[in-house]
Protein backbone atom coordinates (compact mmCIF):
# COMPACT_ATOMS: atom_id res chain seq x y z
CA MET A 1 -45.87 -42.64 -66.83
CA PRO A 2 -46.60 -38.90 -66.58
CA GLU A 3 -47.36 -37.23 -63.28
CA THR A 4 -51.16 -36.99 -63.22
CA VAL A 5 -51.89 -35.95 -59.67
CA ALA A 6 -54.12 -32.91 -59.23
CA VAL A 7 -53.29 -30.74 -56.24
CA ILE A 8 -56.45 -28.94 -55.19
CA PRO A 9 -56.14 -26.09 -52.68
CA SER A 10 -58.86 -25.73 -50.06
CA PRO A 11 -59.22 -22.15 -48.82
CA ALA A 12 -60.64 -21.78 -45.32
CA ALA A 13 -63.76 -20.05 -46.70
CA ASP A 14 -64.60 -23.18 -48.73
CA ARG A 15 -64.38 -25.64 -45.84
CA GLU A 16 -67.86 -25.22 -44.38
CA PRO A 17 -69.69 -25.33 -47.76
CA ASN A 18 -67.66 -28.41 -48.72
CA ALA A 19 -68.52 -30.08 -45.40
CA ARG A 20 -72.24 -29.36 -45.94
CA LEU A 21 -72.16 -30.77 -49.48
CA ALA A 22 -70.36 -33.93 -48.31
CA GLN A 23 -72.98 -34.34 -45.57
CA GLU A 24 -75.80 -33.93 -48.11
CA ILE A 25 -74.25 -36.60 -50.34
CA ARG A 26 -73.95 -38.96 -47.35
CA ARG A 27 -77.60 -38.29 -46.47
CA PHE A 28 -78.63 -38.82 -50.10
CA ARG A 29 -76.76 -42.14 -50.27
CA SER A 30 -78.23 -43.37 -46.98
CA GLU A 31 -81.82 -42.88 -48.13
CA GLY A 32 -82.98 -46.36 -49.11
CA ALA A 33 -85.44 -45.18 -51.77
CA ARG A 34 -82.76 -43.54 -53.92
CA GLU A 35 -80.18 -45.27 -56.04
CA ALA A 36 -76.63 -44.31 -54.97
CA GLY A 37 -75.63 -43.13 -58.46
CA ALA A 38 -78.74 -41.09 -59.20
CA LEU A 39 -77.29 -37.60 -58.73
CA THR A 40 -77.68 -35.41 -61.80
CA LEU A 41 -75.46 -32.48 -62.77
CA LEU A 42 -77.39 -29.38 -63.78
CA GLY A 43 -76.03 -26.30 -65.50
CA PRO A 44 -76.80 -22.70 -64.48
CA SER A 45 -79.85 -22.63 -66.80
CA GLY A 46 -81.13 -25.97 -65.55
CA GLU A 47 -79.80 -28.01 -68.47
CA THR A 48 -78.80 -31.57 -67.62
CA PHE A 49 -75.14 -32.45 -68.11
CA GLY A 50 -75.43 -36.05 -66.98
CA THR A 51 -75.99 -38.44 -64.12
CA LEU A 52 -73.14 -39.36 -61.81
CA THR A 53 -72.23 -43.02 -61.51
CA GLU A 54 -72.04 -44.62 -58.06
CA SER A 55 -68.24 -44.47 -58.13
CA ALA A 56 -68.35 -40.77 -59.08
CA VAL A 57 -70.73 -40.05 -56.19
CA LEU A 58 -68.40 -41.86 -53.75
CA ALA A 59 -65.37 -40.02 -55.14
CA LEU A 60 -67.14 -36.66 -54.89
CA GLU A 61 -68.15 -37.35 -51.30
CA ALA A 62 -64.58 -38.35 -50.37
CA ALA A 63 -63.07 -35.32 -52.13
CA LEU A 64 -65.51 -32.89 -50.48
CA THR A 65 -64.84 -34.45 -47.08
CA GLN A 66 -61.08 -34.02 -47.52
CA LEU A 67 -61.48 -30.46 -48.87
CA ALA A 68 -63.48 -29.64 -45.74
CA GLU A 69 -60.74 -30.95 -43.44
CA THR A 70 -57.40 -29.98 -45.00
CA ASP A 71 -55.55 -27.14 -46.74
CA GLU A 72 -54.82 -29.15 -49.86
CA VAL A 73 -56.01 -32.39 -51.43
CA MET A 74 -54.07 -34.53 -53.88
CA LEU A 75 -56.14 -36.57 -56.27
CA GLY A 76 -54.60 -39.27 -58.43
CA SER A 77 -54.30 -42.94 -59.20
CA ARG A 78 -52.31 -45.09 -56.77
CA ASP A 79 -50.09 -46.11 -59.71
CA THR A 80 -49.26 -42.51 -60.62
CA GLU A 81 -45.59 -41.64 -60.54
CA LEU A 82 -44.56 -38.63 -58.48
CA SER A 83 -41.50 -36.45 -58.45
CA PRO A 84 -39.57 -36.27 -55.18
CA GLU A 85 -41.01 -32.77 -54.68
CA ALA A 86 -44.60 -34.05 -54.95
CA ALA A 87 -43.76 -36.99 -52.65
CA ALA A 88 -42.39 -34.52 -50.10
CA ARG A 89 -45.72 -32.63 -50.13
CA VAL A 90 -47.65 -35.87 -49.54
CA LEU A 91 -45.33 -36.89 -46.71
CA GLY A 92 -45.12 -33.42 -45.19
CA VAL A 93 -41.32 -33.48 -45.22
CA SER A 94 -38.55 -31.76 -47.16
CA ARG A 95 -37.27 -32.98 -50.50
CA PRO A 96 -33.87 -33.99 -49.00
CA VAL A 97 -35.72 -36.26 -46.54
CA VAL A 98 -37.45 -37.95 -49.50
CA TYR A 99 -34.09 -38.48 -51.20
CA HIS A 100 -32.76 -39.98 -47.95
CA ARG A 101 -35.76 -42.37 -47.79
CA MET A 102 -34.99 -43.43 -51.37
CA LYS A 103 -31.26 -43.87 -50.66
CA THR A 104 -31.93 -46.04 -47.58
CA GLY A 105 -34.45 -48.19 -49.46
CA ARG A 106 -37.48 -47.11 -47.43
CA LEU A 107 -39.06 -45.52 -50.53
CA PRO A 108 -38.73 -47.50 -53.77
CA TYR A 109 -38.04 -45.44 -56.89
CA ARG A 110 -37.05 -45.70 -60.50
CA GLU A 111 -34.77 -43.50 -62.52
CA ALA A 112 -36.12 -41.78 -65.63
CA GLY A 113 -33.04 -40.29 -67.23
CA SER A 114 -31.55 -38.04 -64.57
CA HIS A 115 -34.82 -37.86 -62.63
CA ARG A 116 -36.24 -40.11 -59.93
CA ARG A 117 -39.88 -41.18 -59.79
CA VAL A 118 -41.82 -42.86 -56.98
CA LEU A 119 -45.23 -44.49 -57.07
CA TYR A 120 -48.01 -42.68 -55.22
CA LYS A 121 -49.00 -45.97 -53.53
CA ASP A 122 -45.43 -46.40 -52.21
CA VAL A 123 -45.48 -42.85 -50.82
CA LEU A 124 -48.82 -43.55 -49.13
CA ALA A 125 -47.47 -46.82 -47.70
CA LEU A 126 -44.41 -45.01 -46.31
CA ARG A 127 -46.64 -42.32 -44.81
CA ARG A 128 -48.81 -44.97 -43.11
CA PHE A 129 -45.70 -46.76 -41.80
CA GLU A 130 -44.19 -43.56 -40.42
CA GLU A 131 -47.51 -42.49 -38.84
CA GLU A 132 -47.82 -45.91 -37.15
CA ARG A 133 -44.22 -45.76 -35.97
CA CYS A 134 -44.76 -42.27 -34.56
CA ALA A 135 -47.95 -43.40 -32.77
CA THR A 136 -46.13 -46.40 -31.30
CA SER A 137 -43.24 -44.22 -30.10
CA LYS A 138 -45.68 -41.77 -28.55
CA ALA A 139 -47.58 -44.58 -26.77
CA LEU A 140 -44.31 -46.03 -25.44
CA SER A 141 -43.20 -42.60 -24.28
CA GLU A 142 -46.51 -41.99 -22.50
CA ASP A 143 -46.30 -45.44 -20.92
CA ALA A 144 -42.78 -44.72 -19.67
CA ASP A 145 -43.91 -41.34 -18.29
CA GLY A 146 -46.38 -43.13 -16.04
CA GLN A 147 -43.73 -45.30 -14.41
CA GLU A 148 -42.06 -44.40 -11.18
CA GLU A 149 -38.48 -43.33 -11.23
CA PRO A 150 -36.14 -46.09 -10.04
CA ALA A 151 -34.76 -45.66 -6.55
CA PRO A 152 -31.23 -44.29 -6.52
CA ARG A 153 -28.54 -46.89 -5.95
CA ALA A 154 -26.33 -46.69 -2.94
CA SER A 155 -22.74 -46.12 -3.91
C-alpha cells in the first residue's frame, strides 16, 4: 500500500484564522435549524463548487482545530502504511528509536523488499501507550515527592 499521508504545515500566522474557522463550523453545526452537512463551497466569483457532506464538515472542523493548535498536521487513513521516518515524525522521536521499537516488537511492521513499513494505526496506538506510560510515571513520581523521607537507620 503506498504512503498516502499528507503532512500539512501550520505556520503561526495561520493559527488564529484556523481557530476562528473551526469555531464557526462548531457554531454552525450546533444550530438546530441547519443540517450538519449543509455547508456550500463557493469560488472567488461566487460560483458554487458543491455542498460538503456531514463527514466532510466534521473532518474540516477537526483539521482546522489541529492546524490551530500544532505546527504540523498529518492526515491519512488509519490503515495507511508509513515509512520509519514518517512514524518518527508522528511519535516525535528519532528514526533509530522507531527501529528499536520495531526490533523489540513494540511496533509491528512488515518488510517490503529492503524497506520496513508500519501501519499508521499501530503508530498511533504506540504513541497513546507511551503517553499513558509517561503520565503514569509522572504521577508516581509526584506521589513519591510528597512522601516524607524515611528516618535514618541507626548503625
